[in-house]
Amino acid sequence: MLKIAFHPIYKHPLPEGHRFPMIKYDLLPQQLLYEGTCDEANFFEPTFPEDEHILAIHTTSYYENLLSLAIKPSAARKIGFPLSEELVSRERIIADGTLKCCEFALENGIAMNIAGGTHHAYTNRGEAFCMLNDQAIGARYLQSKKLAEKILIVDLDVHQGNGTAEIFQNDASVYTFSMHGASNYPFKKEVSDLDIALEKGTDDKTYLTILKDTLPKLIAKERPDFIFYLCGVDILASDKLGTLGMTLKGCFERDRFVLQTCKDLKIPVQCSMGGGYSPDIKVIVDAHANTFRLAQEIFF
C-alpha cells in the first residue's frame, strides 16, 4: 500500500497576501481522497522525530536557536515565514514524515510526503521557506540505521537544492543531482555532485530528453540503494517563481519516468513535494496529484 505522510499542521497560517500557497497542503489530500486515488488508510500522521536525527544534519546551535525562537531577525527574514513555535513544530513534523516514509519505501518500494522537499536548509541556517532539510535528515537516518549505504538525491525542483549540496559537499556516500532553472533563485548556487542548469523557457521535449539521458547513466554509475526524489511542480511555465516552460503533461511525464525507473531497477524511493507557485491553485494541486496518481499506477 502507498503510505503518505500528512499532518494538519502542514497547512500553517500565514499573513494575508503571502506568496507561499500554504492551502495546497489542505487541498491536495482532499483531492486524492475525492477522486479515489487514495483512501484514509493510505495516510499516516507523523509526530516529532528524535532530535538526534535532526542533529545528524544540522548544527546544535542552529537547532537550539530554532527551538527557542532565538534566530536573528535577519536570518528569520531569509526563511520567509513569520517565526513561531508552531512553525518550528511544523518543520520537525515534516522531517518525521520523511523519516517514516523512508521505512515505508523500503517495505513497499515508494512512500510520499505531502510536504517536504526543504532543500534550501543548510547545516547551520534556513532560507526560502526551508528550515530543516527533510531529505538530508532522511538520508543520514537510513545510513545510521544501516538501511542504506549509497544514496542518490534527485532534485527536480526549479530551484537548485543549495542547502542539500552544502550538507553533502564532502560526502561521497550521498550523491546530489539538481536539475533546475539557471536564472532562478538561488542566484549564488552551491556545487552539487551534478548540476544541470536549464535555460529560460526550456520546453517539455528538451527537459525530458536531458532527464532521460542523464538519470539512467547516473544510476548505473553510482549504484544507489535508495533514492530521494524532490518532485517540485514549479517547473511549470505558469509558475510565478519559475523560469522554465514546462506543461502539465510534461511535468506528468517527468514523474512517470523517474518513478518507473525506480520501480524497474527495484530502488526504493521517497518523494517530497517541493515547490509550486502557479497563480491558479487548481494547477498546483493537479500537478502534485499527478505524482500520487502515478505512484499508485506504477507501484501498486
C-alpha atoms as a PDB file:
ATOM      1  CA  MET A   1       0.000   0.000   0.000  1.00  0.00           C
ATOM      2  CA  LEU A   2       1.142   3.546  -0.779  1.00  0.00           C
ATOM      3  CA  LYS A   3       1.856   5.325   2.501  1.00  0.00           C
ATOM      4  CA  ILE A   4       1.606   9.118   2.588  1.00  0.00           C
ATOM      5  CA  ALA A   5       2.740  11.415   5.391  1.00  0.00           C
ATOM      6  CA  PHE A   6       0.247  14.147   6.239  1.00  0.00           C
ATOM      7  CA  HIS A   7      -0.486  16.241   9.313  1.00  0.00           C
ATOM      8  CA  PRO A   8      -2.953  19.155   9.683  1.00  0.00           C
ATOM      9  CA  ILE A   9      -0.051  21.324  10.865  1.00  0.00           C
ATOM     10  CA  TYR A  10       1.312  21.251   7.302  1.00  0.00           C
ATOM     11  CA  LYS A  11      -1.209  23.998   6.437  1.00  0.00           C
ATOM     12  CA  HIS A  12       0.303  26.723   8.580  1.00  0.00           C
ATOM     13  CA  PRO A  13      -1.481  30.097   8.846  1.00  0.00           C
ATOM     14  CA  LEU A  14       0.327  32.935   7.078  1.00  0.00           C
ATOM     15  CA  PRO A  15      -0.346  36.671   6.764  1.00  0.00           C
ATOM     16  CA  GLU A  16      -2.895  37.569   4.093  1.00  0.00           C
ATOM     17  CA  GLY A  17      -1.256  38.025   0.710  1.00  0.00           C
ATOM     18  CA  HIS A  18       1.789  35.872   1.496  1.00  0.00           C
ATOM     19  CA  ARG A  19       3.137  34.388  -1.730  1.00  0.00           C
ATOM     20  CA  PHE A  20       3.515  30.854  -0.380  1.00  0.00           C
ATOM     21  CA  PRO A  21       0.388  28.797  -1.292  1.00  0.00           C
ATOM     22  CA  MET A  22       0.035  27.025   2.054  1.00  0.00           C
ATOM     23  CA  ILE A  23      -3.533  25.983   1.214  1.00  0.00           C
ATOM     24  CA  LYS A  24      -2.209  23.335  -1.188  1.00  0.00           C
ATOM     25  CA  TYR A  25      -1.355  21.121   1.794  1.00  0.00           C
ATOM     26  CA  ASP A  26      -5.033  21.086   2.720  1.00  0.00           C
ATOM     27  CA  LEU A  27      -6.424  20.719  -0.796  1.00  0.00           C
ATOM     28  CA  LEU A  28      -4.074  18.009  -2.076  1.00  0.00           C
ATOM     29  CA  PRO A  29      -5.104  15.210   0.323  1.00  0.00           C
ATOM     30  CA  GLN A  30      -8.736  16.242  -0.132  1.00  0.00           C
ATOM     31  CA  GLN A  31      -8.382  15.885  -3.901  1.00  0.00           C
ATOM     32  CA  LEU A  32      -6.679  12.485  -3.652  1.00  0.00           C
ATOM     33  CA  LEU A  33      -9.492  11.214  -1.415  1.00  0.00           C
ATOM     34  CA  TYR A  34     -12.260  12.773  -3.507  1.00  0.00           C
ATOM     35  CA  GLU A  35     -11.095  11.224  -6.777  1.00  0.00           C
ATOM     36  CA  GLY A  36     -10.374   7.844  -5.223  1.00  0.00           C
ATOM     37  CA  THR A  37      -6.627   7.825  -5.865  1.00  0.00           C
ATOM     38  CA  CYS A  38      -6.203   7.235  -2.129  1.00  0.00           C
ATOM     39  CA  ASP A  39      -8.324   6.403   0.877  1.00  0.00           C
ATOM     40  CA  GLU A  40      -7.846   7.174   4.560  1.00  0.00           C
ATOM     41  CA  ALA A  41      -5.712   4.054   5.046  1.00  0.00           C
ATOM     42  CA  ASN A  42      -3.026   5.490   2.770  1.00  0.00           C
ATOM     43  CA  PHE A  43      -2.337   8.394   5.096  1.00  0.00           C
ATOM     44  CA  PHE A  44      -0.371   8.387   8.326  1.00  0.00           C
ATOM     45  CA  GLU A  45       0.265  11.221  10.750  1.00  0.00           C
ATOM     46  CA  PRO A  46       3.906  11.957  11.625  1.00  0.00           C
ATOM     47  CA  THR A  47       4.953  13.272  15.031  1.00  0.00           C
ATOM     48  CA  PHE A  48       8.215  14.760  16.347  1.00  0.00           C
ATOM     49  CA  PRO A  49      11.399  12.920  15.352  1.00  0.00           C
ATOM     50  CA  GLU A  50      14.190  12.189  17.791  1.00  0.00           C
ATOM     51  CA  ASP A  51      16.459  15.233  17.995  1.00  0.00           C
ATOM     52  CA  GLU A  52      19.472  13.059  17.218  1.00  0.00           C
ATOM     53  CA  HIS A  53      18.259  12.566  13.649  1.00  0.00           C
ATOM     54  CA  ILE A  54      17.995  16.316  13.084  1.00  0.00           C
ATOM     55  CA  LEU A  55      21.345  16.934  14.765  1.00  0.00           C
ATOM     56  CA  ALA A  56      22.988  14.425  12.437  1.00  0.00           C
ATOM     57  CA  ILE A  57      22.493  17.102   9.747  1.00  0.00           C
ATOM     58  CA  HIS A  58      22.037  20.463  11.445  1.00  0.00           C
ATOM     59  CA  THR A  59      24.347  22.164  13.920  1.00  0.00           C
ATOM     60  CA  THR A  60      23.367  22.140  17.588  1.00  0.00           C
ATOM     61  CA  SER A  61      23.475  25.920  17.865  1.00  0.00           C
ATOM     62  CA  TYR A  62      21.196  26.423  14.860  1.00  0.00           C
ATOM     63  CA  TYR A  63      18.676  23.812  16.022  1.00  0.00           C
ATOM     64  CA  GLU A  64      18.610  25.140  19.593  1.00  0.00           C
ATOM     65  CA  ASN A  65      18.085  28.669  18.288  1.00  0.00           C
ATOM     66  CA  LEU A  66      15.171  27.416  16.202  1.00  0.00           C
ATOM     67  CA  LEU A  67      13.569  25.676  19.168  1.00  0.00           C
ATOM     68  CA  SER A  68      13.969  28.733  21.394  1.00  0.00           C
ATOM     69  CA  LEU A  69      12.959  31.164  18.605  1.00  0.00           C
ATOM     70  CA  ALA A  70      16.319  32.874  19.049  1.00  0.00           C
ATOM     71  CA  ILE A  71      17.099  33.130  15.329  1.00  0.00           C
ATOM     72  CA  LYS A  72      18.380  36.608  14.456  1.00  0.00           C
ATOM     73  CA  PRO A  73      15.794  38.774  12.640  1.00  0.00           C
ATOM     74  CA  SER A  74      17.975  38.946   9.518  1.00  0.00           C
ATOM     75  CA  ALA A  75      18.211  35.125   9.407  1.00  0.00           C
ATOM     76  CA  ALA A  76      14.475  34.772  10.050  1.00  0.00           C
ATOM     77  CA  ARG A  77      13.748  37.096   7.103  1.00  0.00           C
ATOM     78  CA  LYS A  78      15.715  34.785   4.824  1.00  0.00           C
ATOM     79  CA  ILE A  79      13.439  31.908   5.844  1.00  0.00           C
ATOM     80  CA  GLY A  80      10.472  33.925   4.620  1.00  0.00           C
ATOM     81  CA  PHE A  81       7.866  32.838   7.187  1.00  0.00           C
ATOM     82  CA  PRO A  82       6.999  34.636  10.444  1.00  0.00           C
ATOM     83  CA  LEU A  83       8.902  32.617  13.036  1.00  0.00           C
ATOM     84  CA  SER A  84       6.774  30.903  15.688  1.00  0.00           C
ATOM     85  CA  GLU A  85       6.756  27.827  17.883  1.00  0.00           C
ATOM     86  CA  GLU A  86       4.077  26.257  15.679  1.00  0.00           C
ATOM     87  CA  LEU A  87       6.130  26.879  12.537  1.00  0.00           C
ATOM     88  CA  VAL A  88       9.162  25.125  14.049  1.00  0.00           C
ATOM     89  CA  SER A  89       6.927  22.256  15.176  1.00  0.00           C
ATOM     90  CA  ARG A  90       5.601  22.017  11.620  1.00  0.00           C
ATOM     91  CA  GLU A  91       9.107  21.720  10.222  1.00  0.00           C
ATOM     92  CA  ARG A  92      10.038  18.990  12.708  1.00  0.00           C
ATOM     93  CA  ILE A  93       6.865  17.049  11.915  1.00  0.00           C
ATOM     94  CA  ILE A  94       7.536  17.308   8.173  1.00  0.00           C
ATOM     95  CA  ALA A  95      11.014  15.864   8.795  1.00  0.00           C
ATOM     96  CA  ASP A  96       9.484  12.992  10.765  1.00  0.00           C
ATOM     97  CA  GLY A  97       7.111  12.342   7.889  1.00  0.00           C
ATOM     98  CA  THR A  98      10.064  11.871   5.570  1.00  0.00           C
ATOM     99  CA  LEU A  99      11.867   9.656   8.101  1.00  0.00           C
ATOM    100  CA  LYS A 100       8.867   7.360   8.396  1.00  0.00           C
ATOM    101  CA  CYS A 101       8.464   7.413   4.617  1.00  0.00           C
ATOM    102  CA  CYS A 102      11.989   6.010   4.355  1.00  0.00           C
ATOM    103  CA  GLU A 103      10.861   2.928   6.292  1.00  0.00           C
ATOM    104  CA  PHE A 104       7.678   2.559   4.245  1.00  0.00           C
ATOM    105  CA  ALA A 105       9.618   2.927   0.982  1.00  0.00           C
ATOM    106  CA  LEU A 106      11.873   0.060   1.988  1.00  0.00           C
ATOM    107  CA  GLU A 107       8.766  -2.065   2.584  1.00  0.00           C
ATOM    108  CA  ASN A 108       6.661  -1.017  -0.398  1.00  0.00           C
ATOM    109  CA  GLY A 109       9.070   0.449  -2.965  1.00  0.00           C
ATOM    110  CA  ILE A 110       7.796   4.008  -2.538  1.00  0.00           C
ATOM    111  CA  ALA A 111       6.410   6.383   0.087  1.00  0.00           C
ATOM    112  CA  MET A 112       5.438  10.040  -0.169  1.00  0.00           C
ATOM    113  CA  ASN A 113       5.266  13.156   1.967  1.00  0.00           C
ATOM    114  CA  ILE A 114       2.501  15.676   1.173  1.00  0.00           C
ATOM    115  CA  ALA A 115       5.013  18.365   2.208  1.00  0.00           C
ATOM    116  CA  GLY A 116       8.831  18.396   2.459  1.00  0.00           C
ATOM    117  CA  GLY A 117      11.496  18.992  -0.111  1.00  0.00           C
ATOM    118  CA  THR A 118      13.040  21.634   2.131  1.00  0.00           C
ATOM    119  CA  HIS A 119      16.254  21.698   0.136  1.00  0.00           C
ATOM    120  CA  HIS A 120      17.266  25.296   0.905  1.00  0.00           C
ATOM    121  CA  ALA A 121      18.019  24.443   4.546  1.00  0.00           C
ATOM    122  CA  TYR A 122      21.769  24.377   5.243  1.00  0.00           C
ATOM    123  CA  THR A 123      23.584  22.738   8.119  1.00  0.00           C
ATOM    124  CA  ASN A 124      23.528  25.996  10.093  1.00  0.00           C
ATOM    125  CA  ARG A 125      20.740  28.124   8.640  1.00  0.00           C
ATOM    126  CA  GLY A 126      17.459  28.155   6.784  1.00  0.00           C
ATOM    127  CA  GLU A 127      16.230  30.152   3.836  1.00  0.00           C
ATOM    128  CA  ALA A 128      13.488  30.323   1.197  1.00  0.00           C
ATOM    129  CA  PHE A 129      10.694  28.639   3.186  1.00  0.00           C
ATOM    130  CA  CYS A 130      13.036  25.888   4.447  1.00  0.00           C
ATOM    131  CA  MET A 131      14.390  25.385   7.976  1.00  0.00           C
ATOM    132  CA  LEU A 132      15.206  21.673   8.369  1.00  0.00           C
ATOM    133  CA  ASN A 133      16.330  19.673   5.337  1.00  0.00           C
ATOM    134  CA  ASP A 134      13.935  16.708   5.437  1.00  0.00           C
ATOM    135  CA  GLN A 135      15.527  14.557   2.749  1.00  0.00           C
ATOM    136  CA  ALA A 136      19.045  15.137   4.059  1.00  0.00           C
ATOM    137  CA  ILE A 137      17.826  14.087   7.505  1.00  0.00           C
ATOM    138  CA  GLY A 138      16.227  11.033   5.904  1.00  0.00           C
ATOM    139  CA  ALA A 139      19.403  10.093   4.068  1.00  0.00           C
ATOM    140  CA  ARG A 140      21.515  10.187   7.200  1.00  0.00           C
ATOM    141  CA  TYR A 141      18.826   8.305   9.133  1.00  0.00           C
ATOM    142  CA  LEU A 142      18.937   5.435   6.637  1.00  0.00           C
ATOM    143  CA  GLN A 143      22.699   5.282   6.850  1.00  0.00           C
ATOM    144  CA  SER A 144      22.787   5.439  10.650  1.00  0.00           C
ATOM    145  CA  LYS A 145      20.322   2.537  10.826  1.00  0.00           C
ATOM    146  CA  LYS A 146      22.354   0.651   8.194  1.00  0.00           C
ATOM    147  CA  LEU A 147      19.277   0.517   5.964  1.00  0.00           C
ATOM    148  CA  ALA A 148      21.111   2.052   3.005  1.00  0.00           C
ATOM    149  CA  GLU A 149      24.707   2.842   2.106  1.00  0.00           C
ATOM    150  CA  LYS A 150      24.811   4.780  -1.173  1.00  0.00           C
ATOM    151  CA  ILE A 151      22.034   7.327  -1.609  1.00  0.00           C
ATOM    152  CA  LEU A 152      21.027   9.409  -4.625  1.00  0.00           C
ATOM    153  CA  ILE A 153      19.050  12.624  -4.209  1.00  0.00           C
ATOM    154  CA  VAL A 154      17.213  13.550  -7.412  1.00  0.00           C
ATOM    155  CA  ASP A 155      16.153  17.177  -7.054  1.00  0.00           C
ATOM    156  CA  LEU A 156      13.948  18.319  -9.924  1.00  0.00           C
ATOM    157  CA  ASP A 157      12.532  21.445  -8.296  1.00  0.00           C
ATOM    158  CA  VAL A 158      13.027  24.549 -10.447  1.00  0.00           C
ATOM    159  CA  HIS A 159      15.338  25.942  -7.746  1.00  0.00           C
ATOM    160  CA  GLN A 160      18.753  24.449  -7.103  1.00  0.00           C
ATOM    161  CA  GLY A 161      18.999  22.347  -3.932  1.00  0.00           C
ATOM    162  CA  ASN A 162      21.669  24.609  -2.486  1.00  0.00           C
ATOM    163  CA  GLY A 163      21.266  23.503   1.134  1.00  0.00           C
ATOM    164  CA  THR A 164      21.409  19.836   0.187  1.00  0.00           C
ATOM    165  CA  ALA A 165      24.520  20.455  -1.897  1.00  0.00           C
ATOM    166  CA  GLU A 166      26.236  22.189   1.030  1.00  0.00           C
ATOM    167  CA  ILE A 167      25.287  19.489   3.525  1.00  0.00           C
ATOM    168  CA  PHE A 168      26.751  16.660   1.449  1.00  0.00           C
ATOM    169  CA  GLN A 169      29.563  18.555  -0.293  1.00  0.00           C
ATOM    170  CA  ASN A 170      32.281  16.352   1.239  1.00  0.00           C
ATOM    171  CA  ASP A 171      30.280  13.117   1.481  1.00  0.00           C
ATOM    172  CA  ALA A 172      30.686  10.623  -1.351  1.00  0.00           C
ATOM    173  CA  SER A 173      28.032   8.334   0.162  1.00  0.00           C
ATOM    174  CA  VAL A 174      25.222  10.767  -0.800  1.00  0.00           C
ATOM    175  CA  TYR A 175      25.158  11.875  -4.430  1.00  0.00           C
ATOM    176  CA  THR A 176      23.321  15.140  -5.076  1.00  0.00           C
ATOM    177  CA  PHE A 177      21.776  15.728  -8.513  1.00  0.00           C
ATOM    178  CA  SER A 178      19.940  19.003  -9.128  1.00  0.00           C
ATOM    179  CA  MET A 179      18.307  19.955 -12.435  1.00  0.00           C
ATOM    180  CA  HIS A 180      16.973  23.494 -12.183  1.00  0.00           C
ATOM    181  CA  GLY A 181      16.487  26.854 -13.844  1.00  0.00           C
ATOM    182  CA  ALA A 182      19.806  28.580 -14.490  1.00  0.00           C
ATOM    183  CA  SER A 183      18.423  32.036 -13.756  1.00  0.00           C
ATOM    184  CA  ASN A 184      16.285  31.040 -10.772  1.00  0.00           C
ATOM    185  CA  TYR A 185      16.917  31.564  -7.082  1.00  0.00           C
ATOM    186  CA  PRO A 186      19.376  30.867  -5.535  1.00  0.00           C
ATOM    187  CA  PHE A 187      21.374  33.346  -7.574  1.00  0.00           C
ATOM    188  CA  LYS A 188      24.586  32.197  -5.916  1.00  0.00           C
ATOM    189  CA  LYS A 189      24.496  28.444  -6.473  1.00  0.00           C
ATOM    190  CA  GLU A 190      26.265  25.823  -4.402  1.00  0.00           C
ATOM    191  CA  VAL A 191      28.009  22.895  -6.124  1.00  0.00           C
ATOM    192  CA  SER A 192      26.050  19.649  -6.244  1.00  0.00           C
ATOM    193  CA  ASP A 193      27.689  16.442  -7.420  1.00  0.00           C
ATOM    194  CA  LEU A 194      25.798  17.067 -10.653  1.00  0.00           C
ATOM    195  CA  ASP A 195      24.120  20.349 -11.543  1.00  0.00           C
ATOM    196  CA  ILE A 196      22.191  20.794 -14.778  1.00  0.00           C
ATOM    197  CA  ALA A 197      21.159  24.426 -15.199  1.00  0.00           C
ATOM    198  CA  LEU A 198      18.387  24.909 -17.756  1.00  0.00           C
ATOM    199  CA  GLU A 199      17.794  27.997 -19.868  1.00  0.00           C
ATOM    200  CA  LYS A 200      14.692  30.154 -19.562  1.00  0.00           C
ATOM    201  CA  GLY A 201      11.670  28.681 -21.299  1.00  0.00           C
ATOM    202  CA  THR A 202      13.045  25.117 -21.522  1.00  0.00           C
ATOM    203  CA  ASP A 203      10.187  23.078 -23.014  1.00  0.00           C
ATOM    204  CA  ASP A 204       8.906  19.558 -22.388  1.00  0.00           C
ATOM    205  CA  LYS A 205      10.881  17.891 -25.148  1.00  0.00           C
ATOM    206  CA  THR A 206      14.216  19.446 -24.189  1.00  0.00           C
ATOM    207  CA  TYR A 207      13.713  18.856 -20.463  1.00  0.00           C
ATOM    208  CA  LEU A 208      12.652  15.228 -20.835  1.00  0.00           C
ATOM    209  CA  THR A 209      15.427  14.438 -23.316  1.00  0.00           C
ATOM    210  CA  ILE A 210      18.047  15.703 -20.865  1.00  0.00           C
ATOM    211  CA  LEU A 211      16.491  13.874 -17.924  1.00  0.00           C
ATOM    212  CA  LYS A 212      16.123  10.576 -19.800  1.00  0.00           C
ATOM    213  CA  ASP A 213      19.705  10.795 -20.995  1.00  0.00           C
ATOM    214  CA  THR A 214      21.066  11.653 -17.545  1.00  0.00           C
ATOM    215  CA  LEU A 215      19.256   9.675 -14.847  1.00  0.00           C
ATOM    216  CA  PRO A 216      19.797   6.074 -16.056  1.00  0.00           C
ATOM    217  CA  LYS A 217      23.508   6.704 -16.653  1.00  0.00           C
ATOM    218  CA  LEU A 218      23.816   8.311 -13.237  1.00  0.00           C
ATOM    219  CA  ILE A 219      22.145   5.384 -11.507  1.00  0.00           C
ATOM    220  CA  ALA A 220      24.300   2.888 -13.405  1.00  0.00           C
ATOM    221  CA  LYS A 221      27.434   4.785 -12.383  1.00  0.00           C
ATOM    222  CA  GLU A 222      26.605   5.470  -8.723  1.00  0.00           C
ATOM    223  CA  ARG A 223      24.579   2.301  -7.977  1.00  0.00           C
ATOM    224  CA  PRO A 224      22.438   3.803  -5.203  1.00  0.00           C
ATOM    225  CA  ASP A 225      20.402   1.535  -2.967  1.00  0.00           C
ATOM    226  CA  PHE A 226      17.920   4.306  -2.086  1.00  0.00           C
ATOM    227  CA  ILE A 227      16.650   7.382  -3.974  1.00  0.00           C
ATOM    228  CA  PHE A 228      15.109  10.578  -2.658  1.00  0.00           C
ATOM    229  CA  TYR A 229      13.004  12.351  -5.271  1.00  0.00           C
ATOM    230  CA  LEU A 230      12.154  16.038  -4.847  1.00  0.00           C
ATOM    231  CA  CYS A 231       9.322  16.485  -7.342  1.00  0.00           C
ATOM    232  CA  GLY A 232       8.623  20.228  -7.305  1.00  0.00           C
ATOM    233  CA  VAL A 233       5.977  21.397  -9.762  1.00  0.00           C
ATOM    234  CA  ASP A 234       7.453  24.882 -10.066  1.00  0.00           C
ATOM    235  CA  ILE A 235       8.939  23.782 -13.403  1.00  0.00           C
ATOM    236  CA  LEU A 236       5.583  24.701 -14.993  1.00  0.00           C
ATOM    237  CA  ALA A 237       5.520  27.637 -17.412  1.00  0.00           C
ATOM    238  CA  SER A 238       2.741  29.171 -15.308  1.00  0.00           C
ATOM    239  CA  ASP A 239       4.811  29.246 -12.114  1.00  0.00           C
ATOM    240  CA  LYS A 240       5.313  32.694 -10.580  1.00  0.00           C
ATOM    241  CA  LEU A 241       8.739  31.794  -9.149  1.00  0.00           C
ATOM    242  CA  GLY A 242       9.995  29.632 -12.025  1.00  0.00           C
ATOM    243  CA  THR A 243      11.574  30.318 -15.396  1.00  0.00           C
ATOM    244  CA  LEU A 244      11.003  27.079 -17.322  1.00  0.00           C
ATOM    245  CA  GLY A 245       8.403  26.371 -19.989  1.00  0.00           C
ATOM    246  CA  MET A 246       7.009  23.000 -18.950  1.00  0.00           C
ATOM    247  CA  THR A 247       3.377  21.955 -19.452  1.00  0.00           C
ATOM    248  CA  LEU A 248       1.297  19.929 -17.032  1.00  0.00           C
ATOM    249  CA  LYS A 249       1.718  16.943 -19.361  1.00  0.00           C
ATOM    250  CA  GLY A 250       5.493  17.399 -19.400  1.00  0.00           C
ATOM    251  CA  CYS A 251       5.601  17.500 -15.597  1.00  0.00           C
ATOM    252  CA  PHE A 252       3.482  14.328 -15.550  1.00  0.00           C
ATOM    253  CA  GLU A 253       5.901  12.587 -17.932  1.00  0.00           C
ATOM    254  CA  ARG A 254       8.858  13.690 -15.796  1.00  0.00           C
ATOM    255  CA  ASP A 255       7.317  11.988 -12.769  1.00  0.00           C
ATOM    256  CA  ARG A 256       6.385   8.906 -14.774  1.00  0.00           C
ATOM    257  CA  PHE A 257       9.957   8.489 -15.980  1.00  0.00           C
ATOM    258  CA  VAL A 258      11.567   8.910 -12.558  1.00  0.00           C
ATOM    259  CA  LEU A 259       9.120   6.639 -10.739  1.00  0.00           C
ATOM    260  CA  GLN A 260       9.126   3.976 -13.465  1.00  0.00           C
ATOM    261  CA  THR A 261      12.927   3.985 -13.446  1.00  0.00           C
ATOM    262  CA  CYS A 262      12.973   3.409  -9.677  1.00  0.00           C
ATOM    263  CA  LYS A 263      10.400   0.630  -9.991  1.00  0.00           C
ATOM    264  CA  ASP A 264      12.174  -1.107 -12.887  1.00  0.00           C
ATOM    265  CA  LEU A 265      15.517  -1.017 -11.079  1.00  0.00           C
ATOM    266  CA  LYS A 266      13.945  -2.029  -7.739  1.00  0.00           C
ATOM    267  CA  ILE A 267      15.383   1.007  -5.929  1.00  0.00           C
ATOM    268  CA  PRO A 268      13.192   2.293  -3.064  1.00  0.00           C
ATOM    269  CA  VAL A 269      12.180   5.929  -3.492  1.00  0.00           C
ATOM    270  CA  GLN A 270      10.911   8.555  -1.064  1.00  0.00           C
ATOM    271  CA  CYS A 271       9.109  11.537  -2.610  1.00  0.00           C
ATOM    272  CA  SER A 272       8.770  15.025  -1.118  1.00  0.00           C
ATOM    273  CA  MET A 273       6.624  17.532  -2.969  1.00  0.00           C
ATOM    274  CA  GLY A 274       8.777  20.657  -3.081  1.00  0.00           C
ATOM    275  CA  GLY A 275       7.649  23.914  -4.685  1.00  0.00           C
ATOM    276  CA  GLY A 276       4.701  25.005  -6.771  1.00  0.00           C
ATOM    277  CA  TYR A 277       3.631  28.642  -7.182  1.00  0.00           C
ATOM    278  CA  SER A 278       1.299  28.873 -10.174  1.00  0.00           C
ATOM    279  CA  PRO A 279      -1.352  31.601  -9.738  1.00  0.00           C
ATOM    280  CA  ASP A 280      -4.175  29.061 -10.132  1.00  0.00           C
ATOM    281  CA  ILE A 281      -4.182  26.790  -7.071  1.00  0.00           C
ATOM    282  CA  LYS A 282      -6.026  24.133  -9.127  1.00  0.00           C
ATOM    283  CA  VAL A 283      -2.970  23.819 -11.376  1.00  0.00           C
ATOM    284  CA  ILE A 284      -0.660  23.342  -8.380  1.00  0.00           C
ATOM    285  CA  VAL A 285      -2.891  20.707  -6.794  1.00  0.00           C
ATOM    286  CA  ASP A 286      -3.412  18.838 -10.079  1.00  0.00           C
ATOM    287  CA  ALA A 287       0.316  18.797 -10.829  1.00  0.00           C
ATOM    288  CA  HIS A 288       1.131  17.453  -7.354  1.00  0.00           C
ATOM    289  CA  ALA A 289      -1.771  14.975  -7.506  1.00  0.00           C
ATOM    290  CA  ASN A 290      -0.335  13.556 -10.733  1.00  0.00           C
ATOM    291  CA  THR A 291       2.707  12.334  -8.783  1.00  0.00           C
ATOM    292  CA  PHE A 292       0.482  10.369  -6.407  1.00  0.00           C
ATOM    293  CA  ARG A 293      -1.666   9.027  -9.259  1.00  0.00           C
ATOM    294  CA  LEU A 294       1.453   7.739 -10.976  1.00  0.00           C
ATOM    295  CA  ALA A 295       2.807   6.202  -7.770  1.00  0.00           C
ATOM    296  CA  GLN A 296      -0.398   4.178  -7.424  1.00  0.00           C
ATOM    297  CA  GLU A 297      -0.370   3.184 -11.094  1.00  0.00           C
ATOM    298  CA  ILE A 298       3.296   2.180 -11.263  1.00  0.00           C
ATOM    299  CA  PHE A 299       3.895   0.582  -7.865  1.00  0.00           C
ATOM    300  CA  PHE A 300       0.524  -0.836  -6.853  1.00  0.00           C
END
